[in-house]
Amino acid sequence: KSEEARARSSSRTAIVLLIIGLVLFA
């Protein structure tokens, strides 16, 4: 992938993991 595509993919994954983590803590 291009740098931009990889960065977008990593950013989306990070956001999803943050949401799941916060839901689990709640």
mmCIF file of all heavy atoms, coordinates in Angstrom:
data_MODEL
# 
_entry.id   MODEL 
# 
loop_
_atom_site.group_PDB 
_atom_site.id 
_atom_site.type_symbol 
_atom_site.label_atom_id 
_atom_site.label_alt_id 
_atom_site.label_comp_id 
_atom_site.label_asym_id 
_atom_site.label_entity_id 
_atom_site.label_seq_id 
_atom_site.pdbx_PDB_ins_code 
_atom_site.Cartn_x 
_atom_site.Cartn_y 
_atom_site.Cartn_z 
_atom_site.occupancy 
_atom_site.B_iso_or_equiv 
_atom_site.pdbx_formal_charge 
_atom_site.auth_seq_id 
_atom_site.auth_comp_id 
_atom_site.auth_asym_id 
_atom_site.auth_atom_id 
_atom_site.pdbx_PDB_model_num 
ATOM 1   N N   . LYS A 1 1  ? 0.839   -1.201 0.000  1.00 0.00 ? 1  LYS A N   1 
ATOM 2   C CA  . LYS A 1 1  ? 0.000   0.000  0.000  1.00 0.00 ? 1  LYS A CA  1 
ATOM 3   C C   . LYS A 1 1  ? 0.877   1.255  0.000  1.00 0.00 ? 1  LYS A C   1 
ATOM 4   O O   . LYS A 1 1  ? 2.053   1.211  0.379  1.00 0.00 ? 1  LYS A O   1 
ATOM 5   C CB  . LYS A 1 1  ? -0.905  0.030  1.232  1.00 0.00 ? 1  LYS A CB  1 
ATOM 6   C CG  . LYS A 1 1  ? -1.969  -1.053 1.272  1.00 0.00 ? 1  LYS A CG  1 
ATOM 7   C CD  . LYS A 1 1  ? -2.816  -0.912 2.521  1.00 0.00 ? 1  LYS A CD  1 
ATOM 8   C CE  . LYS A 1 1  ? -3.914  -1.955 2.578  1.00 0.00 ? 1  LYS A CE  1 
ATOM 9   N NZ  . LYS A 1 1  ? -4.730  -1.832 3.819  1.00 0.00 ? 1  LYS A NZ  1 
ATOM 10  N N   . SER A 1 2  ? 0.281   2.365  -0.375 1.00 0.00 ? 2  SER A N   1 
ATOM 11  C CA  . SER A 1 2  ? 0.983   3.637  -0.270 1.00 0.00 ? 2  SER A CA  1 
ATOM 12  C C   . SER A 1 2  ? 1.059   4.044  1.199  1.00 0.00 ? 2  SER A C   1 
ATOM 13  O O   . SER A 1 2  ? 0.331   3.508  2.051  1.00 0.00 ? 2  SER A O   1 
ATOM 14  C CB  . SER A 1 2  ? 0.250   4.717  -1.062 1.00 0.00 ? 2  SER A CB  1 
ATOM 15  O OG  . SER A 1 2  ? -1.019  4.991  -0.470 1.00 0.00 ? 2  SER A OG  1 
ATOM 16  N N   . GLU A 1 3  ? 1.928   5.011  1.500  1.00 0.00 ? 3  GLU A N   1 
ATOM 17  C CA  . GLU A 1 3  ? 2.029   5.507  2.871  1.00 0.00 ? 3  GLU A CA  1 
ATOM 18  C C   . GLU A 1 3  ? 0.691   6.050  3.343  1.00 0.00 ? 3  GLU A C   1 
ATOM 19  O O   . GLU A 1 3  ? 0.270   5.803  4.483  1.00 0.00 ? 3  GLU A O   1 
ATOM 20  C CB  . GLU A 1 3  ? 3.091   6.603  2.960  1.00 0.00 ? 3  GLU A CB  1 
ATOM 21  C CG  . GLU A 1 3  ? 3.226   7.200  4.353  1.00 0.00 ? 3  GLU A CG  1 
ATOM 22  C CD  . GLU A 1 3  ? 4.244   8.305  4.429  1.00 0.00 ? 3  GLU A CD  1 
ATOM 23  O OE1 . GLU A 1 3  ? 4.784   8.697  3.370  1.00 0.00 ? 3  GLU A OE1 1 
ATOM 24  O OE2 . GLU A 1 3  ? 4.506   8.802  5.553  1.00 0.00 ? 3  GLU A OE2 1 
ATOM 25  N N   . GLU A 1 4  ? 0.009   6.778  2.472  1.00 0.00 ? 4  GLU A N   1 
ATOM 26  C CA  . GLU A 1 4  ? -1.263  7.390  2.845  1.00 0.00 ? 4  GLU A CA  1 
ATOM 27  C C   . GLU A 1 4  ? -2.320  6.321  3.145  1.00 0.00 ? 4  GLU A C   1 
ATOM 28  O O   . GLU A 1 4  ? -3.072  6.421  4.123  1.00 0.00 ? 4  GLU A O   1 
ATOM 29  C CB  . GLU A 1 4  ? -1.754  8.308  1.724  1.00 0.00 ? 4  GLU A CB  1 
ATOM 30  C CG  . GLU A 1 4  ? -0.876  9.532  1.480  1.00 0.00 ? 4  GLU A CG  1 
ATOM 31  C CD  . GLU A 1 4  ? 0.427   9.201  0.770  1.00 0.00 ? 4  GLU A CD  1 
ATOM 32  O OE1 . GLU A 1 4  ? 0.501   8.114  0.128  1.00 0.00 ? 4  GLU A OE1 1 
ATOM 33  O OE2 . GLU A 1 4  ? 1.373   10.023 0.838  1.00 0.00 ? 4  GLU A OE2 1 
ATOM 34  N N   . ALA A 1 5  ? -2.368  5.265  2.313  1.00 0.00 ? 5  ALA A N   1 
ATOM 35  C CA  . ALA A 1 5  ? -3.353  4.198  2.521  1.00 0.00 ? 5  ALA A CA  1 
ATOM 36  C C   . ALA A 1 5  ? -3.065  3.437  3.805  1.00 0.00 ? 5  ALA A C   1 
ATOM 37  O O   . ALA A 1 5  ? -3.983  3.094  4.558  1.00 0.00 ? 5  ALA A O   1 
ATOM 38  C CB  . ALA A 1 5  ? -3.358  3.253  1.326  1.00 0.00 ? 5  ALA A CB  1 
ATOM 39  N N   . ARG A 1 6  ? -1.789  3.171  4.070  1.00 0.00 ? 6  ARG A N   1 
ATOM 40  C CA  . ARG A 1 6  ? -1.422  2.470  5.295  1.00 0.00 ? 6  ARG A CA  1 
ATOM 41  C C   . ARG A 1 6  ? -1.756  3.316  6.519  1.00 0.00 ? 6  ARG A C   1 
ATOM 42  O O   . ARG A 1 6  ? -2.270  2.802  7.530  1.00 0.00 ? 6  ARG A O   1 
ATOM 43  C CB  . ARG A 1 6  ? 0.068   2.141  5.278  1.00 0.00 ? 6  ARG A CB  1 
ATOM 44  C CG  . ARG A 1 6  ? 0.616   1.577  6.599  1.00 0.00 ? 6  ARG A CG  1 
ATOM 45  C CD  . ARG A 1 6  ? 0.156   0.169  6.870  1.00 0.00 ? 6  ARG A CD  1 
ATOM 46  N NE  . ARG A 1 6  ? 0.647   -0.300 8.158  1.00 0.00 ? 6  ARG A NE  1 
ATOM 47  C CZ  . ARG A 1 6  ? 1.020   -1.558 8.406  1.00 0.00 ? 6  ARG A CZ  1 
ATOM 48  N NH1 . ARG A 1 6  ? 0.941   -2.458 7.453  1.00 0.00 ? 6  ARG A NH1 1 
ATOM 49  N NH2 . ARG A 1 6  ? 1.443   -1.909 9.596  1.00 0.00 ? 6  ARG A NH2 1 
ATOM 50  N N   . ALA A 1 7  ? -1.492  4.614  6.455  1.00 0.00 ? 7  ALA A N   1 
ATOM 51  C CA  . ALA A 1 7  ? -1.783  5.507  7.577  1.00 0.00 ? 7  ALA A CA  1 
ATOM 52  C C   . ALA A 1 7  ? -3.282  5.560  7.848  1.00 0.00 ? 7  ALA A C   1 
ATOM 53  O O   . ALA A 1 7  ? -3.710  5.535  9.006  1.00 0.00 ? 7  ALA A O   1 
ATOM 54  C CB  . ALA A 1 7  ? -1.238  6.899  7.296  1.00 0.00 ? 7  ALA A CB  1 
ATOM 55  N N   . ARG A 1 8  ? -4.086  5.629  6.784  1.00 0.00 ? 8  ARG A N   1 
ATOM 56  C CA  . ARG A 1 8  ? -5.545  5.645  6.974  1.00 0.00 ? 8  ARG A CA  1 
ATOM 57  C C   . ARG A 1 8  ? -6.021  4.356  7.628  1.00 0.00 ? 8  ARG A C   1 
ATOM 58  O O   . ARG A 1 8  ? -6.867  4.372  8.540  1.00 0.00 ? 8  ARG A O   1 
ATOM 59  C CB  . ARG A 1 8  ? -6.249  5.850  5.636  1.00 0.00 ? 8  ARG A CB  1 
ATOM 60  C CG  . ARG A 1 8  ? -6.170  7.273  5.087  1.00 0.00 ? 8  ARG A CG  1 
ATOM 61  C CD  . ARG A 1 8  ? -7.176  7.472  3.972  1.00 0.00 ? 8  ARG A CD  1 
ATOM 62  N NE  . ARG A 1 8  ? -6.937  6.568  2.857  1.00 0.00 ? 8  ARG A NE  1 
ATOM 63  C CZ  . ARG A 1 8  ? -6.165  6.850  1.812  1.00 0.00 ? 8  ARG A CZ  1 
ATOM 64  N NH1 . ARG A 1 8  ? -5.529  8.017  1.768  1.00 0.00 ? 8  ARG A NH1 1 
ATOM 65  N NH2 . ARG A 1 8  ? -6.011  5.992  0.821  1.00 0.00 ? 8  ARG A NH2 1 
ATOM 66  N N   . SER A 1 9  ? -5.488  3.235  7.165  1.00 0.00 ? 9  SER A N   1 
ATOM 67  C CA  . SER A 1 9  ? -5.878  1.943  7.720  1.00 0.00 ? 9  SER A CA  1 
ATOM 68  C C   . SER A 1 9  ? -5.507  1.840  9.196  1.00 0.00 ? 9  SER A C   1 
ATOM 69  O O   . SER A 1 9  ? -6.312  1.398  10.027 1.00 0.00 ? 9  SER A O   1 
ATOM 70  C CB  . SER A 1 9  ? -5.194  0.821  6.931  1.00 0.00 ? 9  SER A CB  1 
ATOM 71  O OG  . SER A 1 9  ? -5.466  -0.439 7.497  1.00 0.00 ? 9  SER A OG  1 
ATOM 72  N N   . SER A 1 10 ? -4.291  2.271  9.549  1.00 0.00 ? 10 SER A N   1 
ATOM 73  C CA  . SER A 1 10 ? -3.847  2.220  10.943 1.00 0.00 ? 10 SER A CA  1 
ATOM 74  C C   . SER A 1 10 ? -4.672  3.154  11.821 1.00 0.00 ? 10 SER A C   1 
ATOM 75  O O   . SER A 1 10 ? -5.009  2.817  12.960 1.00 0.00 ? 10 SER A O   1 
ATOM 76  C CB  . SER A 1 10 ? -2.361  2.583  11.038 1.00 0.00 ? 10 SER A CB  1 
ATOM 77  O OG  . SER A 1 10 ? -1.560  1.631  10.384 1.00 0.00 ? 10 SER A OG  1 
ATOM 78  N N   . SER A 1 11 ? -5.016  4.323  11.294 1.00 0.00 ? 11 SER A N   1 
ATOM 79  C CA  . SER A 1 11 ? -5.815  5.289  12.061 1.00 0.00 ? 11 SER A CA  1 
ATOM 80  C C   . SER A 1 11 ? -7.210  4.735  12.336 1.00 0.00 ? 11 SER A C   1 
ATOM 81  O O   . SER A 1 11 ? -7.725  4.852  13.459 1.00 0.00 ? 11 SER A O   1 
ATOM 82  C CB  . SER A 1 11 ? -5.926  6.612  11.296 1.00 0.00 ? 11 SER A CB  1 
ATOM 83  O OG  . SER A 1 11 ? -4.662  7.232  11.176 1.00 0.00 ? 11 SER A OG  1 
ATOM 84  N N   . ARG A 1 12 ? -7.830  4.132  11.311 1.00 0.00 ? 12 ARG A N   1 
ATOM 85  C CA  . ARG A 1 12 ? -9.165  3.548  11.508 1.00 0.00 ? 12 ARG A CA  1 
ATOM 86  C C   . ARG A 1 12 ? -9.115  2.420  12.525 1.00 0.00 ? 12 ARG A C   1 
ATOM 87  O O   . ARG A 1 12 ? -9.995  2.313  13.397 1.00 0.00 ? 12 ARG A O   1 
ATOM 88  C CB  . ARG A 1 12 ? -9.712  3.041  10.174 1.00 0.00 ? 12 ARG A CB  1 
ATOM 89  C CG  . ARG A 1 12 ? -10.186 4.128  9.230  1.00 0.00 ? 12 ARG A CG  1 
ATOM 90  C CD  . ARG A 1 12 ? -11.037 3.552  8.120  1.00 0.00 ? 12 ARG A CD  1 
ATOM 91  N NE  . ARG A 1 12 ? -10.275 2.620  7.285  1.00 0.00 ? 12 ARG A NE  1 
ATOM 92  C CZ  . ARG A 1 12 ? -9.663  2.960  6.166  1.00 0.00 ? 12 ARG A CZ  1 
ATOM 93  N NH1 . ARG A 1 12 ? -9.702  4.213  5.750  1.00 0.00 ? 12 ARG A NH1 1 
ATOM 94  N NH2 . ARG A 1 12 ? -9.007  2.063  5.451  1.00 0.00 ? 12 ARG A NH2 1 
ATOM 95  N N   . THR A 1 13 ? -8.092  1.579  12.432 1.00 0.00 ? 13 THR A N   1 
ATOM 96  C CA  . THR A 1 13 ? -7.966  0.469  13.377 1.00 0.00 ? 13 THR A CA  1 
ATOM 97  C C   . THR A 1 13 ? -7.785  0.991  14.791 1.00 0.00 ? 13 THR A C   1 
ATOM 98  O O   . THR A 1 13 ? -8.374  0.457  15.746 1.00 0.00 ? 13 THR A O   1 
ATOM 99  C CB  . THR A 1 13 ? -6.772  -0.422 12.993 1.00 0.00 ? 13 THR A CB  1 
ATOM 100 O OG1 . THR A 1 13 ? -6.953  -0.916 11.659 1.00 0.00 ? 13 THR A OG1 1 
ATOM 101 C CG2 . THR A 1 13 ? -6.644  -1.596 13.943 1.00 0.00 ? 13 THR A CG2 1 
ATOM 102 N N   . ALA A 1 14 ? -6.976  2.033  14.948 1.00 0.00 ? 14 ALA A N   1 
ATOM 103 C CA  . ALA A 1 14 ? -6.747  2.618  16.274 1.00 0.00 ? 14 ALA A CA  1 
ATOM 104 C C   . ALA A 1 14 ? -8.042  3.153  16.870 1.00 0.00 ? 14 ALA A C   1 
ATOM 105 O O   . ALA A 1 14 ? -8.323  2.952  18.057 1.00 0.00 ? 14 ALA A O   1 
ATOM 106 C CB  . ALA A 1 14 ? -5.707  3.728  16.179 1.00 0.00 ? 14 ALA A CB  1 
ATOM 107 N N   . ILE A 1 15 ? -8.851  3.824  16.055 1.00 0.00 ? 15 ILE A N   1 
ATOM 108 C CA  . ILE A 1 15 ? -10.119 4.387  16.546 1.00 0.00 ? 15 ILE A CA  1 
ATOM 109 C C   . ILE A 1 15 ? -11.064 3.278  16.993 1.00 0.00 ? 15 ILE A C   1 
ATOM 110 O O   . ILE A 1 15 ? -11.692 3.356  18.058 1.00 0.00 ? 15 ILE A O   1 
ATOM 111 C CB  . ILE A 1 15 ? -10.775 5.253  15.450 1.00 0.00 ? 15 ILE A CB  1 
ATOM 112 C CG1 . ILE A 1 15 ? -9.936  6.518  15.215 1.00 0.00 ? 15 ILE A CG1 1 
ATOM 113 C CG2 . ILE A 1 15 ? -12.201 5.628  15.845 1.00 0.00 ? 15 ILE A CG2 1 
ATOM 114 C CD1 . ILE A 1 15 ? -10.392 7.324  14.022 1.00 0.00 ? 15 ILE A CD1 1 
ATOM 115 N N   . VAL A 1 16 ? -11.165 2.208  16.175 1.00 0.00 ? 16 VAL A N   1 
ATOM 116 C CA  . VAL A 1 16 ? -12.048 1.084  16.521 1.00 0.00 ? 16 VAL A CA  1 
ATOM 117 C C   . VAL A 1 16 ? -11.594 0.435  17.819 1.00 0.00 ? 16 VAL A C   1 
ATOM 118 O O   . VAL A 1 16 ? -12.419 0.135  18.702 1.00 0.00 ? 16 VAL A O   1 
ATOM 119 C CB  . VAL A 1 16 ? -12.067 0.050  15.378 1.00 0.00 ? 16 VAL A CB  1 
ATOM 120 C CG1 . VAL A 1 16 ? -12.796 -1.223 15.821 1.00 0.00 ? 16 VAL A CG1 1 
ATOM 121 C CG2 . VAL A 1 16 ? -12.746 0.627  14.140 1.00 0.00 ? 16 VAL A CG2 1 
ATOM 122 N N   . LEU A 1 17 ? -10.288 0.217  17.975 1.00 0.00 ? 17 LEU A N   1 
ATOM 123 C CA  . LEU A 1 17 ? -9.775  -0.404 19.189 1.00 0.00 ? 17 LEU A CA  1 
ATOM 124 C C   . LEU A 1 17 ? -10.006 0.474  20.413 1.00 0.00 ? 17 LEU A C   1 
ATOM 125 O O   . LEU A 1 17 ? -10.317 -0.026 21.502 1.00 0.00 ? 17 LEU A O   1 
ATOM 126 C CB  . LEU A 1 17 ? -8.276  -0.684 19.031 1.00 0.00 ? 17 LEU A CB  1 
ATOM 127 C CG  . LEU A 1 17 ? -7.917  -1.821 18.068 1.00 0.00 ? 17 LEU A CG  1 
ATOM 128 C CD1 . LEU A 1 17 ? -6.420  -1.839 17.819 1.00 0.00 ? 17 LEU A CD1 1 
ATOM 129 C CD2 . LEU A 1 17 ? -8.367  -3.166 18.632 1.00 0.00 ? 17 LEU A CD2 1 
ATOM 130 N N   . LEU A 1 18 ? -9.871  1.802  20.246 1.00 0.00 ? 18 LEU A N   1 
ATOM 131 C CA  . LEU A 1 18 ? -10.119 2.715  21.363 1.00 0.00 ? 18 LEU A CA  1 
ATOM 132 C C   . LEU A 1 18 ? -11.578 2.633  21.807 1.00 0.00 ? 18 LEU A C   1 
ATOM 133 O O   . LEU A 1 18 ? -11.865 2.562  23.016 1.00 0.00 ? 18 LEU A O   1 
ATOM 134 C CB  . LEU A 1 18 ? -9.777  4.147  20.947 1.00 0.00 ? 18 LEU A CB  1 
ATOM 135 C CG  . LEU A 1 18 ? -10.061 5.239  21.986 1.00 0.00 ? 18 LEU A CG  1 
ATOM 136 C CD1 . LEU A 1 18 ? -9.258  4.985  23.260 1.00 0.00 ? 18 LEU A CD1 1 
ATOM 137 C CD2 . LEU A 1 18 ? -9.753  6.616  21.414 1.00 0.00 ? 18 LEU A CD2 1 
ATOM 138 N N   . ILE A 1 19 ? -12.488 2.624  20.850 1.00 0.00 ? 19 ILE A N   1 
ATOM 139 C CA  . ILE A 1 19 ? -13.915 2.544  21.188 1.00 0.00 ? 19 ILE A CA  1 
ATOM 140 C C   . ILE A 1 19 ? -14.232 1.237  21.903 1.00 0.00 ? 19 ILE A C   1 
ATOM 141 O O   . ILE A 1 19 ? -14.921 1.220  22.930 1.00 0.00 ? 19 ILE A O   1 
ATOM 142 C CB  . ILE A 1 19 ? -14.776 2.687  19.913 1.00 0.00 ? 19 ILE A CB  1 
ATOM 143 C CG1 . ILE A 1 19 ? -14.636 4.106  19.344 1.00 0.00 ? 19 ILE A CG1 1 
ATOM 144 C CG2 . ILE A 1 19 ? -16.240 2.373  20.212 1.00 0.00 ? 19 ILE A CG2 1 
ATOM 145 C CD1 . ILE A 1 19 ? -15.287 4.282  17.989 1.00 0.00 ? 19 ILE A CD1 1 
ATOM 146 N N   . ILE A 1 20 ? -13.721 0.128  21.357 1.00 0.00 ? 20 ILE A N   1 
ATOM 147 C CA  . ILE A 1 20 ? -13.977 -1.171 21.985 1.00 0.00 ? 20 ILE A CA  1 
ATOM 148 C C   . ILE A 1 20 ? -13.394 -1.210 23.393 1.00 0.00 ? 20 ILE A C   1 
ATOM 149 O O   . ILE A 1 20 ? -14.021 -1.694 24.339 1.00 0.00 ? 20 ILE A O   1 
ATOM 150 C CB  . ILE A 1 20 ? -13.382 -2.310 21.132 1.00 0.00 ? 20 ILE A CB  1 
ATOM 151 C CG1 . ILE A 1 20 ? -14.115 -2.418 19.798 1.00 0.00 ? 20 ILE A CG1 1 
ATOM 152 C CG2 . ILE A 1 20 ? -13.466 -3.645 21.876 1.00 0.00 ? 20 ILE A CG2 1 
ATOM 153 C CD1 . ILE A 1 20 ? -13.505 -3.430 18.851 1.00 0.00 ? 20 ILE A CD1 1 
ATOM 154 N N   . GLY A 1 21 ? -12.166 -0.685 23.552 1.00 0.00 ? 21 GLY A N   1 
ATOM 155 C CA  . GLY A 1 21 ? -11.536 -0.672 24.861 1.00 0.00 ? 21 GLY A CA  1 
ATOM 156 C C   . GLY A 1 21 ? -12.337 0.123  25.876 1.00 0.00 ? 21 GLY A C   1 
ATOM 157 O O   . GLY A 1 21 ? -12.533 -0.319 27.011 1.00 0.00 ? 21 GLY A O   1 
ATOM 158 N N   . LEU A 1 22 ? -12.817 1.307  25.476 1.00 0.00 ? 22 LEU A N   1 
ATOM 159 C CA  . LEU A 1 22 ? -13.616 2.134  26.388 1.00 0.00 ? 22 LEU A CA  1 
ATOM 160 C C   . LEU A 1 22 ? -14.937 1.464  26.746 1.00 0.00 ? 22 LEU A C   1 
ATOM 161 O O   . LEU A 1 22 ? -15.387 1.529  27.898 1.00 0.00 ? 22 LEU A O   1 
ATOM 162 C CB  . LEU A 1 22 ? -13.867 3.505  25.749 1.00 0.00 ? 22 LEU A CB  1 
ATOM 163 C CG  . LEU A 1 22 ? -12.617 4.387  25.555 1.00 0.00 ? 22 LEU A CG  1 
ATOM 164 C CD1 . LEU A 1 22 ? -12.977 5.676  24.838 1.00 0.00 ? 22 LEU A CD1 1 
ATOM 165 C CD2 . LEU A 1 22 ? -11.957 4.685  26.908 1.00 0.00 ? 22 LEU A CD2 1 
ATOM 166 N N   . VAL A 1 23 ? -15.564 0.811  25.763 1.00 0.00 ? 23 VAL A N   1 
ATOM 167 C CA  . VAL A 1 23 ? -16.820 0.092  26.035 1.00 0.00 ? 23 VAL A CA  1 
ATOM 168 C C   . VAL A 1 23 ? -16.576 -1.035 27.034 1.00 0.00 ? 23 VAL A C   1 
ATOM 169 O O   . VAL A 1 23 ? -17.372 -1.243 27.966 1.00 0.00 ? 23 VAL A O   1 
ATOM 170 C CB  . VAL A 1 23 ? -17.423 -0.451 24.723 1.00 0.00 ? 23 VAL A CB  1 
ATOM 171 C CG1 . VAL A 1 23 ? -18.565 -1.422 25.021 1.00 0.00 ? 23 VAL A CG1 1 
ATOM 172 C CG2 . VAL A 1 23 ? -17.925 0.684  23.854 1.00 0.00 ? 23 VAL A CG2 1 
ATOM 173 N N   . LEU A 1 24 ? -15.476 -1.764 26.856 1.00 0.00 ? 24 LEU A N   1 
ATOM 174 C CA  . LEU A 1 24 ? -15.170 -2.862 27.776 1.00 0.00 ? 24 LEU A CA  1 
ATOM 175 C C   . LEU A 1 24 ? -14.880 -2.351 29.182 1.00 0.00 ? 24 LEU A C   1 
ATOM 176 O O   . LEU A 1 24 ? -15.303 -2.963 30.168 1.00 0.00 ? 24 LEU A O   1 
ATOM 177 C CB  . LEU A 1 24 ? -13.971 -3.659 27.248 1.00 0.00 ? 24 LEU A CB  1 
ATOM 178 C CG  . LEU A 1 24 ? -14.239 -4.511 26.002 1.00 0.00 ? 24 LEU A CG  1 
ATOM 179 C CD1 . LEU A 1 24 ? -12.937 -5.081 25.459 1.00 0.00 ? 24 LEU A CD1 1 
ATOM 180 C CD2 . LEU A 1 24 ? -15.204 -5.640 26.320 1.00 0.00 ? 24 LEU A CD2 1 
ATOM 181 N N   . PHE A 1 25 ? -14.173 -1.231 29.291 1.00 0.00 ? 25 PHE A N   1 
ATOM 182 C CA  . PHE A 1 25 ? -13.918 -0.650 30.611 1.00 0.00 ? 25 PHE A CA  1 
ATOM 183 C C   . PHE A 1 25 ? -15.225 -0.196 31.258 1.00 0.00 ? 25 PHE A C   1 
ATOM 184 O O   . PHE A 1 25 ? -15.425 -0.378 32.465 1.00 0.00 ? 25 PHE A O   1 
ATOM 185 C CB  . PHE A 1 25 ? -12.950 0.528  30.497 1.00 0.00 ? 25 PHE A CB  1 
ATOM 186 C CG  . PHE A 1 25 ? -11.511 0.113  30.548 1.00 0.00 ? 25 PHE A CG  1 
ATOM 187 C CD1 . PHE A 1 25 ? -10.694 0.256  29.442 1.00 0.00 ? 25 PHE A CD1 1 
ATOM 188 C CD2 . PHE A 1 25 ? -10.968 -0.427 31.704 1.00 0.00 ? 25 PHE A CD2 1 
ATOM 189 C CE1 . PHE A 1 25 ? -9.358  -0.125 29.480 1.00 0.00 ? 25 PHE A CE1 1 
ATOM 190 C CE2 . PHE A 1 25 ? -9.634  -0.817 31.759 1.00 0.00 ? 25 PHE A CE2 1 
ATOM 191 C CZ  . PHE A 1 25 ? -8.834  -0.665 30.638 1.00 0.00 ? 25 PHE A CZ  1 
ATOM 192 N N   . ALA A 1 26 ? -16.116 0.400  30.469 1.00 0.00 ? 26 ALA A N   1 
ATOM 193 C CA  . ALA A 1 26 ? -17.412 0.821  31.002 1.00 0.00 ? 26 ALA A CA  1 
ATOM 194 C C   . ALA A 1 26 ? -18.212 -0.382 31.487 1.00 0.00 ? 26 ALA A C   1 
ATOM 195 O O   . ALA A 1 26 ? -18.840 -0.336 32.560 1.00 0.00 ? 26 ALA A O   1 
ATOM 196 C CB  . ALA A 1 26 ? -18.190 1.585  29.921 1.00 0.00 ? 26 ALA A CB  1 
# 
